[in-house]
Amino acid sequence: PAIRSVAFIKNCVTNPNIIIGDYTYYDDPDDPENFEAHVEHLY
């Protein structure tokens, strides 16, 4: 909780076609919770 730039991304994606394993993280000082926006053209 003291490092809000690091998020476990399986807990913030909503698209069922994005499947993330435990402990995998995205590190972004601006918006780590928005990992899904970095997956483009997934229809």
PDB file of all heavy atoms in Angstrom:
ATOM      1  N   PRO A   1       0.803  -1.233   0.000  1.00  0.00           N
ATOM      2  CA  PRO A   1       0.000   0.000   0.000  1.00  0.00           C
ATOM      3  C   PRO A   1       0.828   1.273   0.000  1.00  0.00           C
ATOM      4  O   PRO A   1       0.334   2.337  -0.390  1.00  0.00           O
ATOM      5  CB  PRO A   1      -0.818  -0.119   1.294  1.00  0.00           C
ATOM      6  CG  PRO A   1      -0.852  -1.582   1.592  1.00  0.00           C
ATOM      7  CD  PRO A   1       0.464  -2.131   1.114  1.00  0.00           C
ATOM      8  N   ALA A   2       2.090   1.186   0.403  1.00  0.00           N
ATOM      9  CA  ALA A   2       2.950   2.367   0.413  1.00  0.00           C
ATOM     10  C   ALA A   2       3.510   2.689  -0.971  1.00  0.00           C
ATOM     11  O   ALA A   2       4.083   3.758  -1.179  1.00  0.00           O
ATOM     12  CB  ALA A   2       4.096   2.166   1.403  1.00  0.00           C
ATOM     13  N   ILE A   3       3.367   1.756  -1.935  1.00  0.00           N
ATOM     14  CA  ILE A   3       3.876   1.964  -3.298  1.00  0.00           C
ATOM     15  C   ILE A   3       2.705   1.836  -4.266  1.00  0.00           C
ATOM     16  O   ILE A   3       2.405   0.749  -4.761  1.00  0.00           O
ATOM     17  CB  ILE A   3       4.995   0.959  -3.640  1.00  0.00           C
ATOM     18  CG1 ILE A   3       6.118   1.028  -2.596  1.00  0.00           C
ATOM     19  CG2 ILE A   3       5.559   1.234  -5.027  1.00  0.00           C
ATOM     20  CD1 ILE A   3       7.207  -0.003  -2.804  1.00  0.00           C
ATOM     21  N   ARG A   4       2.040   2.938  -4.533  1.00  0.00           N
ATOM     22  CA  ARG A   4       0.819   2.917  -5.335  1.00  0.00           C
ATOM     23  C   ARG A   4       1.089   2.922  -6.833  1.00  0.00           C
ATOM     24  O   ARG A   4       0.161   3.000  -7.632  1.00  0.00           O
ATOM     25  CB  ARG A   4      -0.062   4.108  -4.964  1.00  0.00           C
ATOM     26  CG  ARG A   4      -0.637   4.026  -3.555  1.00  0.00           C
ATOM     27  CD  ARG A   4      -1.725   2.966  -3.473  1.00  0.00           C
ATOM     28  NE  ARG A   4      -2.259   2.804  -2.148  1.00  0.00           N
ATOM     29  CZ  ARG A   4      -3.560   2.771  -1.856  1.00  0.00           C
ATOM     30  NH1 ARG A   4      -4.453   2.908  -2.822  1.00  0.00           N
ATOM     31  NH2 ARG A   4      -3.970   2.570  -0.628  1.00  0.00           N
ATOM     32  N   SER A   5       2.348   2.843  -7.223  1.00  0.00           N
ATOM     33  CA  SER A   5       2.670   2.750  -8.650  1.00  0.00           C
ATOM     34  C   SER A   5       2.659   1.308  -9.133  1.00  0.00           C
ATOM     35  O   SER A   5       2.753   1.054 -10.342  1.00  0.00           O
ATOM     36  CB  SER A   5       4.040   3.366  -8.926  1.00  0.00           C
ATOM     37  OG  SER A   5       5.062   2.633  -8.272  1.00  0.00           O
ATOM     38  N   VAL A   6       2.570   0.358  -8.215  1.00  0.00           N
ATOM     39  CA  VAL A   6       2.622  -1.065  -8.547  1.00  0.00           C
ATOM     40  C   VAL A   6       1.289  -1.709  -8.206  1.00  0.00           C
ATOM     41  O   VAL A   6       0.826  -1.630  -7.063  1.00  0.00           O
ATOM     42  CB  VAL A   6       3.762  -1.767  -7.779  1.00  0.00           C
ATOM     43  CG1 VAL A   6       3.710  -3.265  -7.986  1.00  0.00           C
ATOM     44  CG2 VAL A   6       5.113  -1.217  -8.219  1.00  0.00           C
ATOM     45  N   ALA A   7       0.682  -2.352  -9.207  1.00  0.00           N
ATOM     46  CA  ALA A   7      -0.612  -3.001  -8.995  1.00  0.00           C
ATOM     47  C   ALA A   7      -0.571  -4.432  -9.523  1.00  0.00           C
ATOM     48  O   ALA A   7       0.019  -4.701 -10.574  1.00  0.00           O
ATOM     49  CB  ALA A   7      -1.720  -2.224  -9.703  1.00  0.00           C
ATOM     50  N   PHE A   8      -1.193  -5.334  -8.769  1.00  0.00           N
ATOM     51  CA  PHE A   8      -1.405  -6.697  -9.254  1.00  0.00           C
ATOM     52  C   PHE A   8      -2.534  -6.635 -10.284  1.00  0.00           C
ATOM     53  O   PHE A   8      -3.698  -6.433  -9.926  1.00  0.00           O
ATOM     54  CB  PHE A   8      -1.776  -7.628  -8.111  1.00  0.00           C
ATOM     55  CG  PHE A   8      -0.618  -8.079  -7.253  1.00  0.00           C
ATOM     56  CD1 PHE A   8      -0.841  -8.539  -5.957  1.00  0.00           C
ATOM     57  CD2 PHE A   8       0.671  -8.081  -7.738  1.00  0.00           C
ATOM     58  CE1 PHE A   8       0.216  -8.972  -5.165  1.00  0.00           C
ATOM     59  CE2 PHE A   8       1.741  -8.513  -6.954  1.00  0.00           C
ATOM     60  CZ  PHE A   8       1.506  -8.962  -5.666  1.00  0.00           C
ATOM     61  N   ILE A   9      -2.203  -6.829 -11.540  1.00  0.00           N
ATOM     62  CA  ILE A   9      -3.154  -6.468 -12.590  1.00  0.00           C
ATOM     63  C   ILE A   9      -4.302  -7.448 -12.774  1.00  0.00           C
ATOM     64  O   ILE A   9      -5.309  -7.095 -13.369  1.00  0.00           O
ATOM     65  CB  ILE A   9      -2.443  -6.197 -13.934  1.00  0.00           C
ATOM     66  CG1 ILE A   9      -1.497  -7.329 -14.309  1.00  0.00           C
ATOM     67  CG2 ILE A   9      -1.692  -4.896 -13.873  1.00  0.00           C
ATOM     68  CD1 ILE A   9      -0.774  -7.100 -15.613  1.00  0.00           C
ATOM     69  N   LYS A  10      -4.200  -8.651 -12.221  1.00  0.00           N
ATOM     70  CA  LYS A  10      -5.359  -9.547 -12.347  1.00  0.00           C
ATOM     71  C   LYS A  10      -6.558  -8.974 -11.590  1.00  0.00           C
ATOM     72  O   LYS A  10      -7.707  -9.340 -11.877  1.00  0.00           O
ATOM     73  CB  LYS A  10      -5.030 -10.940 -11.828  1.00  0.00           C
ATOM     74  CG  LYS A  10      -5.029 -11.072 -10.326  1.00  0.00           C
ATOM     75  CD  LYS A  10      -5.172 -12.528  -9.887  1.00  0.00           C
ATOM     76  CE  LYS A  10      -5.527 -12.610  -8.416  1.00  0.00           C
ATOM     77  NZ  LYS A  10      -5.835 -13.978  -7.980  1.00  0.00           N
ATOM     78  N   ASN A  11      -6.277  -8.058 -10.652  1.00  0.00           N
ATOM     79  CA  ASN A  11      -7.333  -7.501  -9.823  1.00  0.00           C
ATOM     80  C   ASN A  11      -7.931  -6.215 -10.380  1.00  0.00           C
ATOM     81  O   ASN A  11      -8.783  -5.608  -9.731  1.00  0.00           O
ATOM     82  CB  ASN A  11      -6.794  -7.249  -8.407  1.00  0.00           C
ATOM     83  CG  ASN A  11      -6.251  -8.520  -7.782  1.00  0.00           C
ATOM     84  OD1 ASN A  11      -6.890  -9.561  -7.819  1.00  0.00           O
ATOM     85  ND2 ASN A  11      -5.050  -8.450  -7.221  1.00  0.00           N
ATOM     86  N   CYS A  12      -7.495  -5.797 -11.562  1.00  0.00           N
ATOM     87  CA  CYS A  12      -8.065  -4.573 -12.134  1.00  0.00           C
ATOM     88  C   CYS A  12      -8.513  -4.736 -13.580  1.00  0.00           C
ATOM     89  O   CYS A  12      -9.058  -3.796 -14.153  1.00  0.00           O
ATOM     90  CB  CYS A  12      -7.096  -3.399 -12.001  1.00  0.00           C
ATOM     91  SG  CYS A  12      -5.475  -3.639 -12.748  1.00  0.00           S
ATOM     92  N   VAL A  13      -8.301  -5.895 -14.193  1.00  0.00           N
ATOM     93  CA  VAL A  13      -8.804  -6.086 -15.554  1.00  0.00           C
ATOM     94  C   VAL A  13     -10.235  -6.620 -15.510  1.00  0.00           C
ATOM     95  O   VAL A  13     -10.611  -7.349 -14.587  1.00  0.00           O
ATOM     96  CB  VAL A  13      -7.906  -7.036 -16.384  1.00  0.00           C
ATOM     97  CG1 VAL A  13      -6.517  -6.467 -16.549  1.00  0.00           C
ATOM     98  CG2 VAL A  13      -7.848  -8.418 -15.757  1.00  0.00           C
ATOM     99  N   THR A  14     -11.024  -6.247 -16.485  1.00  0.00           N
ATOM    100  CA  THR A  14     -12.429  -6.677 -16.545  1.00  0.00           C
ATOM    101  C   THR A  14     -12.731  -7.511 -17.779  1.00  0.00           C
ATOM    102  O   THR A  14     -13.721  -8.238 -17.801  1.00  0.00           O
ATOM    103  CB  THR A  14     -13.362  -5.452 -16.519  1.00  0.00           C
ATOM    104  OG1 THR A  14     -13.063  -4.610 -17.650  1.00  0.00           O
ATOM    105  CG2 THR A  14     -13.178  -4.649 -15.243  1.00  0.00           C
ATOM    106  N   ASN A  15     -11.908  -7.398 -18.822  1.00  0.00           N
ATOM    107  CA  ASN A  15     -12.159  -8.131 -20.060  1.00  0.00           C
ATOM    108  C   ASN A  15     -11.851  -9.613 -19.853  1.00  0.00           C
ATOM    109  O   ASN A  15     -10.723  -9.965 -19.487  1.00  0.00           O
ATOM    110  CB  ASN A  15     -11.291  -7.565 -21.186  1.00  0.00           C
ATOM    111  CG  ASN A  15     -11.672  -8.095 -22.553  1.00  0.00           C
ATOM    112  OD1 ASN A  15     -11.951  -9.279 -22.718  1.00  0.00           O
ATOM    113  ND2 ASN A  15     -11.682  -7.213 -23.538  1.00  0.00           N
ATOM    114  N   PRO A  16     -12.819 -10.507 -20.087  1.00  0.00           N
ATOM    115  CA  PRO A  16     -12.568 -11.938 -19.864  1.00  0.00           C
ATOM    116  C   PRO A  16     -11.530 -12.538 -20.802  1.00  0.00           C
ATOM    117  O   PRO A  16     -11.031 -13.639 -20.555  1.00  0.00           O
ATOM    118  CB  PRO A  16     -13.943 -12.574 -20.087  1.00  0.00           C
ATOM    119  CG  PRO A  16     -14.688 -11.606 -20.956  1.00  0.00           C
ATOM    120  CD  PRO A  16     -14.194 -10.255 -20.542  1.00  0.00           C
ATOM    121  N   ASN A  17     -11.178 -11.819 -21.869  1.00  0.00           N
ATOM    122  CA  ASN A  17     -10.154 -12.304 -22.792  1.00  0.00           C
ATOM    123  C   ASN A  17      -8.746 -11.851 -22.400  1.00  0.00           C
ATOM    124  O   ASN A  17      -7.797 -12.078 -23.156  1.00  0.00           O
ATOM    125  CB  ASN A  17     -10.472 -11.870 -24.217  1.00  0.00           C
ATOM    126  CG  ASN A  17     -11.631 -12.670 -24.805  1.00  0.00           C
ATOM    127  OD1 ASN A  17     -11.961 -13.740 -24.306  1.00  0.00           O
ATOM    128  ND2 ASN A  17     -12.241 -12.150 -25.835  1.00  0.00           N
ATOM    129  N   ILE A  18      -8.633 -11.195 -21.242  1.00  0.00           N
ATOM    130  CA  ILE A  18      -7.324 -10.877 -20.668  1.00  0.00           C
ATOM    131  C   ILE A  18      -7.192 -11.703 -19.399  1.00  0.00           C
ATOM    132  O   ILE A  18      -7.933 -11.502 -18.435  1.00  0.00           O
ATOM    133  CB  ILE A  18      -7.179  -9.383 -20.355  1.00  0.00           C
ATOM    134  CG1 ILE A  18      -7.389  -8.539 -21.611  1.00  0.00           C
ATOM    135  CG2 ILE A  18      -5.807  -9.100 -19.749  1.00  0.00           C
ATOM    136  CD1 ILE A  18      -7.355  -7.037 -21.351  1.00  0.00           C
ATOM    137  N   ILE A  19      -6.276 -12.655 -19.408  1.00  0.00           N
ATOM    138  CA  ILE A  19      -6.144 -13.611 -18.305  1.00  0.00           C
ATOM    139  C   ILE A  19      -4.763 -13.426 -17.673  1.00  0.00           C
ATOM    140  O   ILE A  19      -3.738 -13.577 -18.348  1.00  0.00           O
ATOM    141  CB  ILE A  19      -6.322 -15.050 -18.818  1.00  0.00           C
ATOM    142  CG1 ILE A  19      -7.706 -15.196 -19.488  1.00  0.00           C
ATOM    143  CG2 ILE A  19      -6.145 -16.064 -17.694  1.00  0.00           C
ATOM    144  CD1 ILE A  19      -7.847 -16.447 -20.324  1.00  0.00           C
ATOM    145  N   ILE A  20      -4.740 -13.088 -16.393  1.00  0.00           N
ATOM    146  CA  ILE A  20      -3.503 -12.723 -15.705  1.00  0.00           C
ATOM    147  C   ILE A  20      -3.293 -13.635 -14.503  1.00  0.00           C
ATOM    148  O   ILE A  20      -4.216 -13.889 -13.727  1.00  0.00           O
ATOM    149  CB  ILE A  20      -3.541 -11.262 -15.215  1.00  0.00           C
ATOM    150  CG1 ILE A  20      -3.994 -10.311 -16.334  1.00  0.00           C
ATOM    151  CG2 ILE A  20      -2.188 -10.852 -14.645  1.00  0.00           C
ATOM    152  CD1 ILE A  20      -3.026 -10.137 -17.450  1.00  0.00           C
ATOM    153  N   GLY A  21      -2.066 -14.097 -14.301  1.00  0.00           N
ATOM    154  CA  GLY A  21      -1.742 -14.944 -13.176  1.00  0.00           C
ATOM    155  C   GLY A  21      -1.471 -14.165 -11.894  1.00  0.00           C
ATOM    156  O   GLY A  21      -1.267 -12.950 -11.908  1.00  0.00           O
ATOM    157  N   ASP A  22      -1.440 -14.880 -10.790  1.00  0.00           N
ATOM    158  CA  ASP A  22      -1.161 -14.283  -9.477  1.00  0.00           C
ATOM    159  C   ASP A  22       0.201 -13.607  -9.449  1.00  0.00           C
ATOM    160  O   ASP A  22       1.164 -14.079 -10.064  1.00  0.00           O
ATOM    161  CB  ASP A  22      -1.191 -15.358  -8.386  1.00  0.00           C
ATOM    162  CG  ASP A  22      -2.592 -15.845  -8.070  1.00  0.00           C
ATOM    163  OD1 ASP A  22      -3.561 -15.182  -8.504  1.00  0.00           O
ATOM    164  OD2 ASP A  22      -2.721 -16.880  -7.385  1.00  0.00           O
ATOM    165  N   TYR A  23       0.274 -12.508  -8.719  1.00  0.00           N
ATOM    166  CA  TYR A  23       1.502 -11.770  -8.425  1.00  0.00           C
ATOM    167  C   TYR A  23       2.079 -11.014  -9.619  1.00  0.00           C
ATOM    168  O   TYR A  23       3.102 -10.320  -9.478  1.00  0.00           O
ATOM    169  CB  TYR A  23       2.589 -12.673  -7.829  1.00  0.00           C
ATOM    170  CG  TYR A  23       2.199 -13.323  -6.522  1.00  0.00           C
ATOM    171  CD1 TYR A  23       1.734 -14.639  -6.488  1.00  0.00           C
ATOM    172  CD2 TYR A  23       2.286 -12.626  -5.321  1.00  0.00           C
ATOM    173  CE1 TYR A  23       1.365 -15.238  -5.294  1.00  0.00           C
ATOM    174  CE2 TYR A  23       1.914 -13.220  -4.123  1.00  0.00           C
ATOM    175  CZ  TYR A  23       1.457 -14.521  -4.112  1.00  0.00           C
ATOM    176  OH  TYR A  23       1.083 -15.106  -2.927  1.00  0.00           O
ATOM    177  N   THR A  24       1.491 -11.119 -10.775  1.00  0.00           N
ATOM    178  CA  THR A  24       1.973 -10.346 -11.924  1.00  0.00           C
ATOM    179  C   THR A  24       1.572  -8.892 -11.757  1.00  0.00           C
ATOM    180  O   THR A  24       0.409  -8.598 -11.476  1.00  0.00           O
ATOM    181  CB  THR A  24       1.413 -10.918 -13.232  1.00  0.00           C
ATOM    182  OG1 THR A  24       2.102 -12.138 -13.528  1.00  0.00           O
ATOM    183  CG2 THR A  24       1.580  -9.963 -14.401  1.00  0.00           C
ATOM    184  N   TYR A  25       2.556  -7.988 -11.923  1.00  0.00           N
ATOM    185  CA  TYR A  25       2.248  -6.580 -11.671  1.00  0.00           C
ATOM    186  C   TYR A  25       2.601  -5.691 -12.856  1.00  0.00           C
ATOM    187  O   TYR A  25       3.425  -6.026 -13.701  1.00  0.00           O
ATOM    188  CB  TYR A  25       2.982  -6.079 -10.415  1.00  0.00           C
ATOM    189  CG  TYR A  25       4.480  -5.905 -10.537  1.00  0.00           C
ATOM    190  CD1 TYR A  25       5.039  -4.769 -11.124  1.00  0.00           C
ATOM    191  CD2 TYR A  25       5.354  -6.864 -10.034  1.00  0.00           C
ATOM    192  CE1 TYR A  25       6.414  -4.591 -11.215  1.00  0.00           C
ATOM    193  CE2 TYR A  25       6.735  -6.696 -10.116  1.00  0.00           C
ATOM    194  CZ  TYR A  25       7.254  -5.556 -10.710  1.00  0.00           C
ATOM    195  OH  TYR A  25       8.619  -5.387 -10.804  1.00  0.00           O
ATOM    196  N   TYR A  26       1.922  -4.543 -12.865  1.00  0.00           N
ATOM    197  CA  TYR A  26       2.229  -3.469 -13.803  1.00  0.00           C
ATOM    198  C   TYR A  26       2.704  -2.275 -12.986  1.00  0.00           C
ATOM    199  O   TYR A  26       2.066  -1.888 -12.002  1.00  0.00           O
ATOM    200  CB  TYR A  26       0.991  -3.108 -14.617  1.00  0.00           C
ATOM    201  CG  TYR A  26       1.188  -1.961 -15.584  1.00  0.00           C
ATOM    202  CD1 TYR A  26       2.247  -1.974 -16.477  1.00  0.00           C
ATOM    203  CD2 TYR A  26       0.320  -0.877 -15.605  1.00  0.00           C
ATOM    204  CE1 TYR A  26       2.444  -0.921 -17.370  1.00  0.00           C
ATOM    205  CE2 TYR A  26       0.503   0.172 -16.495  1.00  0.00           C
ATOM    206  CZ  TYR A  26       1.571   0.143 -17.374  1.00  0.00           C
ATOM    207  OH  TYR A  26       1.762   1.183 -18.248  1.00  0.00           O
ATOM    208  N   ASP A  27       3.828  -1.687 -13.390  1.00  0.00           N
ATOM    209  CA  ASP A  27       4.440  -0.582 -12.668  1.00  0.00           C
ATOM    210  C   ASP A  27       4.328   0.685 -13.496  1.00  0.00           C
ATOM    211  O   ASP A  27       4.950   0.806 -14.554  1.00  0.00           O
ATOM    212  CB  ASP A  27       5.909  -0.914 -12.383  1.00  0.00           C
ATOM    213  CG  ASP A  27       6.613   0.153 -11.557  1.00  0.00           C
ATOM    214  OD1 ASP A  27       5.986   1.185 -11.253  1.00  0.00           O
ATOM    215  OD2 ASP A  27       7.791  -0.044 -11.221  1.00  0.00           O
ATOM    216  N   ASP A  28       3.509   1.622 -13.022  1.00  0.00           N
ATOM    217  CA  ASP A  28       3.301   2.875 -13.737  1.00  0.00           C
ATOM    218  C   ASP A  28       2.959   3.945 -12.703  1.00  0.00           C
ATOM    219  O   ASP A  28       1.936   3.847 -12.042  1.00  0.00           O
ATOM    220  CB  ASP A  28       2.165   2.727 -14.746  1.00  0.00           C
ATOM    221  CG  ASP A  28       1.999   3.931 -15.649  1.00  0.00           C
ATOM    222  OD1 ASP A  28       2.352   5.050 -15.218  1.00  0.00           O
ATOM    223  OD2 ASP A  28       1.517   3.761 -16.777  1.00  0.00           O
ATOM    224  N   PRO A  29       3.799   4.957 -12.529  1.00  0.00           N
ATOM    225  CA  PRO A  29       3.532   5.957 -11.494  1.00  0.00           C
ATOM    226  C   PRO A  29       2.278   6.770 -11.736  1.00  0.00           C
ATOM    227  O   PRO A  29       1.747   7.384 -10.805  1.00  0.00           O
ATOM    228  CB  PRO A  29       4.783   6.860 -11.537  1.00  0.00           C
ATOM    229  CG  PRO A  29       5.377   6.636 -12.884  1.00  0.00           C
ATOM    230  CD  PRO A  29       5.066   5.219 -13.242  1.00  0.00           C
ATOM    231  N   ASP A  30       1.780   6.773 -12.964  1.00  0.00           N
ATOM    232  CA  ASP A  30       0.597   7.572 -13.277  1.00  0.00           C
ATOM    233  C   ASP A  30      -0.709   6.809 -13.098  1.00  0.00           C
ATOM    234  O   ASP A  30      -1.660   7.345 -12.533  1.00  0.00           O
ATOM    235  CB  ASP A  30       0.686   8.104 -14.714  1.00  0.00           C
ATOM    236  CG  ASP A  30       1.869   9.038 -14.903  1.00  0.00           C
ATOM    237  OD1 ASP A  30       2.131   9.830 -13.979  1.00  0.00           O
ATOM    238  OD2 ASP A  30       2.524   8.948 -15.946  1.00  0.00           O
ATOM    239  N   ASP A  31      -0.740   5.555 -13.556  1.00  0.00           N
ATOM    240  CA  ASP A  31      -2.039   4.871 -13.575  1.00  0.00           C
ATOM    241  C   ASP A  31      -1.863   3.359 -13.702  1.00  0.00           C
ATOM    242  O   ASP A  31      -2.247   2.769 -14.712  1.00  0.00           O
ATOM    243  CB  ASP A  31      -2.860   5.413 -14.754  1.00  0.00           C
ATOM    244  CG  ASP A  31      -4.322   5.033 -14.680  1.00  0.00           C
ATOM    245  OD1 ASP A  31      -4.735   4.517 -13.628  1.00  0.00           O
ATOM    246  OD2 ASP A  31      -5.039   5.252 -15.668  1.00  0.00           O
ATOM    247  N   PRO A  32      -1.321   2.692 -12.688  1.00  0.00           N
ATOM    248  CA  PRO A  32      -1.087   1.251 -12.823  1.00  0.00           C
ATOM    249  C   PRO A  32      -2.378   0.434 -12.908  1.00  0.00           C
ATOM    250  O   PRO A  32      -2.371  -0.670 -13.437  1.00  0.00           O
ATOM    251  CB  PRO A  32      -0.302   0.903 -11.560  1.00  0.00           C
ATOM    252  CG  PRO A  32      -0.732   1.916 -10.561  1.00  0.00           C
ATOM    253  CD  PRO A  32      -0.919   3.179 -11.354  1.00  0.00           C
ATOM    254  N   GLU A  33      -3.480   0.995 -12.415  1.00  0.00           N
ATOM    255  CA  GLU A  33      -4.748   0.272 -12.439  1.00  0.00           C
ATOM    256  C   GLU A  33      -5.340   0.200 -13.843  1.00  0.00           C
ATOM    257  O   GLU A  33      -6.263  -0.576 -14.089  1.00  0.00           O
ATOM    258  CB  GLU A  33      -5.767   0.938 -11.507  1.00  0.00           C
ATOM    259  CG  GLU A  33      -5.282   1.173 -10.097  1.00  0.00           C
ATOM    260  CD  GLU A  33      -4.601   2.527  -9.931  1.00  0.00           C
ATOM    261  OE1 GLU A  33      -4.274   3.165 -10.960  1.00  0.00           O
ATOM    262  OE2 GLU A  33      -4.370   2.933  -8.781  1.00  0.00           O
ATOM    263  N   ASN A  34      -4.800   1.002 -14.759  1.00  0.00           N
ATOM    264  CA  ASN A  34      -5.380   1.091 -16.104  1.00  0.00           C
ATOM    265  C   ASN A  34      -4.618   0.239 -17.110  1.00  0.00           C
ATOM    266  O   ASN A  34      -4.518   0.577 -18.286  1.00  0.00           O
ATOM    267  CB  ASN A  34      -5.414   2.552 -16.563  1.00  0.00           C
ATOM    268  CG  ASN A  34      -6.418   2.776 -17.676  1.00  0.00           C
ATOM    269  OD1 ASN A  34      -7.414   2.067 -17.793  1.00  0.00           O
ATOM    270  ND2 ASN A  34      -6.162   3.766 -18.496  1.00  0.00           N
ATOM    271  N   PHE A  35      -4.085  -0.881 -16.657  1.00  0.00           N
ATOM    272  CA  PHE A  35      -3.333  -1.777 -17.543  1.00  0.00           C
ATOM    273  C   PHE A  35      -4.143  -2.157 -18.781  1.00  0.00           C
ATOM    274  O   PHE A  35      -3.607  -2.256 -19.891  1.00  0.00           O
ATOM    275  CB  PHE A  35      -2.945  -3.044 -16.780  1.00  0.00           C
ATOM    276  CG  PHE A  35      -2.354  -4.113 -17.646  1.00  0.00           C
ATOM    277  CD1 PHE A  35      -1.015  -4.084 -18.003  1.00  0.00           C
ATOM    278  CD2 PHE A  35      -3.136  -5.159 -18.134  1.00  0.00           C
ATOM    279  CE1 PHE A  35      -0.461  -5.054 -18.824  1.00  0.00           C
ATOM    280  CE2 PHE A  35      -2.592  -6.140 -18.951  1.00  0.00           C
ATOM    281  CZ  PHE A  35      -1.263  -6.083 -19.295  1.00  0.00           C
ATOM    282  N   GLU A  36      -5.420  -2.360 -18.610  1.00  0.00           N
ATOM    283  CA  GLU A  36      -6.266  -2.833 -19.714  1.00  0.00           C
ATOM    284  C   GLU A  36      -6.237  -1.894 -20.918  1.00  0.00           C
ATOM    285  O   GLU A  36      -6.377  -2.346 -22.063  1.00  0.00           O
ATOM    286  CB  GLU A  36      -7.698  -2.998 -19.204  1.00  0.00           C
ATOM    287  CG  GLU A  36      -8.570  -3.854 -20.075  1.00  0.00           C
ATOM    288  CD  GLU A  36      -9.838  -4.290 -19.363  1.00  0.00           C
ATOM    289  OE1 GLU A  36      -9.873  -4.281 -18.117  1.00  0.00           O
ATOM    290  OE2 GLU A  36     -10.795  -4.650 -20.072  1.00  0.00           O
ATOM    291  N   ALA A  37      -6.010  -0.615 -20.674  1.00  0.00           N
ATOM    292  CA  ALA A  37      -5.939   0.349 -21.774  1.00  0.00           C
ATOM    293  C   ALA A  37      -4.710   0.126 -22.642  1.00  0.00           C
ATOM    294  O   ALA A  37      -4.642   0.634 -23.767  1.00  0.00           O
ATOM    295  CB  ALA A  37      -5.922   1.774 -21.223  1.00  0.00           C
ATOM    296  N   HIS A  38      -3.751  -0.645 -22.152  1.00  0.00           N
ATOM    297  CA  HIS A  38      -2.526  -0.925 -22.907  1.00  0.00           C
ATOM    298  C   HIS A  38      -2.659  -2.187 -23.771  1.00  0.00           C
ATOM    299  O   HIS A  38      -1.690  -2.599 -24.406  1.00  0.00           O
ATOM    300  CB  HIS A  38      -1.342  -1.064 -21.957  1.00  0.00           C
ATOM    301  CG  HIS A  38      -1.058   0.197 -21.201  1.00  0.00           C
ATOM    302  ND1 HIS A  38      -0.161   1.142 -21.642  1.00  0.00           N
ATOM    303  CD2 HIS A  38      -1.571   0.676 -20.039  1.00  0.00           C
ATOM    304  CE1 HIS A  38      -0.128   2.148 -20.787  1.00  0.00           C
ATOM    305  NE2 HIS A  38      -0.967   1.891 -19.805  1.00  0.00           N
ATOM    306  N   VAL A  39      -3.845  -2.772 -23.755  1.00  0.00           N
ATOM    307  CA  VAL A  39      -4.149  -3.921 -24.615  1.00  0.00           C
ATOM    308  C   VAL A  39      -5.051  -3.402 -25.727  1.00  0.00           C
ATOM    309  O   VAL A  39      -6.242  -3.171 -25.516  1.00  0.00           O
ATOM    310  CB  VAL A  39      -4.822  -5.048 -23.829  1.00  0.00           C
ATOM    311  CG1 VAL A  39      -5.037  -6.280 -24.716  1.00  0.00           C
ATOM    312  CG2 VAL A  39      -3.992  -5.415 -22.596  1.00  0.00           C
ATOM    313  N   GLU A  40      -4.495  -3.203 -26.899  1.00  0.00           N
ATOM    314  CA  GLU A  40      -5.193  -2.493 -27.963  1.00  0.00           C
ATOM    315  C   GLU A  40      -5.747  -3.439 -29.023  1.00  0.00           C
ATOM    316  O   GLU A  40      -5.144  -4.453 -29.345  1.00  0.00           O
ATOM    317  CB  GLU A  40      -4.240  -1.481 -28.609  1.00  0.00           C
ATOM    318  CG  GLU A  40      -3.709  -0.449 -27.609  1.00  0.00           C
ATOM    319  CD  GLU A  40      -2.821   0.594 -28.253  1.00  0.00           C
ATOM    320  OE1 GLU A  40      -2.579   0.500 -29.482  1.00  0.00           O
ATOM    321  OE2 GLU A  40      -2.358   1.501 -27.533  1.00  0.00           O
ATOM    322  N   HIS A  41      -6.921  -3.062 -29.552  1.00  0.00           N
ATOM    323  CA  HIS A  41      -7.565  -3.787 -30.656  1.00  0.00           C
ATOM    324  C   HIS A  41      -7.947  -5.221 -30.255  1.00  0.00           C
ATOM    325  O   HIS A  41      -7.823  -6.150 -31.058  1.00  0.00           O
ATOM    326  CB  HIS A  41      -6.663  -3.809 -31.902  1.00  0.00           C
ATOM    327  CG  HIS A  41      -6.197  -2.452 -32.322  1.00  0.00           C
ATOM    328  ND1 HIS A  41      -7.015  -1.536 -32.921  1.00  0.00           N
ATOM    329  CD2 HIS A  41      -4.982  -1.858 -32.209  1.00  0.00           C
ATOM    330  CE1 HIS A  41      -6.333  -0.432 -33.178  1.00  0.00           C
ATOM    331  NE2 HIS A  41      -5.100  -0.602 -32.742  1.00  0.00           N
ATOM    332  N   LEU A  42      -8.411  -5.382 -29.026  1.00  0.00           N
ATOM    333  CA  LEU A  42      -8.885  -6.687 -28.563  1.00  0.00           C
ATOM    334  C   LEU A  42     -10.405  -6.693 -28.692  1.00  0.00           C
ATOM    335  O   LEU A  42     -11.114  -6.096 -27.881  1.00  0.00           O
ATOM    336  CB  LEU A  42      -8.461  -6.920 -27.108  1.00  0.00           C
ATOM    337  CG  LEU A  42      -8.906  -8.243 -26.471  1.00  0.00           C
ATOM    338  CD1 LEU A  42      -8.332  -9.434 -27.234  1.00  0.00           C
ATOM    339  CD2 LEU A  42      -8.484  -8.304 -25.009  1.00  0.00           C
ATOM    340  N   TYR A  43     -10.904  -7.382 -29.730  1.00  0.00           N
ATOM    341  CA  TYR A  43     -12.324  -7.344 -30.056  1.00  0.00           C
ATOM    342  C   TYR A  43     -12.958  -8.714 -29.842  1.00  0.00           C
ATOM    343  O   TYR A  43     -12.402  -9.743 -30.249  1.00  0.00           O
ATOM    344  CB  TYR A  43     -12.528  -6.893 -31.507  1.00  0.00           C
ATOM    345  CG  TYR A  43     -11.911  -5.547 -31.806  1.00  0.00           C
ATOM    346  CD1 TYR A  43     -11.078  -5.379 -32.902  1.00  0.00           C
ATOM    347  CD2 TYR A  43     -12.153  -4.456 -30.982  1.00  0.00           C
ATOM    348  CE1 TYR A  43     -10.505  -4.139 -33.179  1.00  0.00           C
ATOM    349  CE2 TYR A  43     -11.581  -3.218 -31.251  1.00  0.00           C
ATOM    350  CZ  TYR A  43     -10.760  -3.068 -32.353  1.00  0.00           C
ATOM    351  OH  TYR A  43     -10.186  -1.845 -32.619  1.00  0.00           O
TER     352      TYR A  43
END
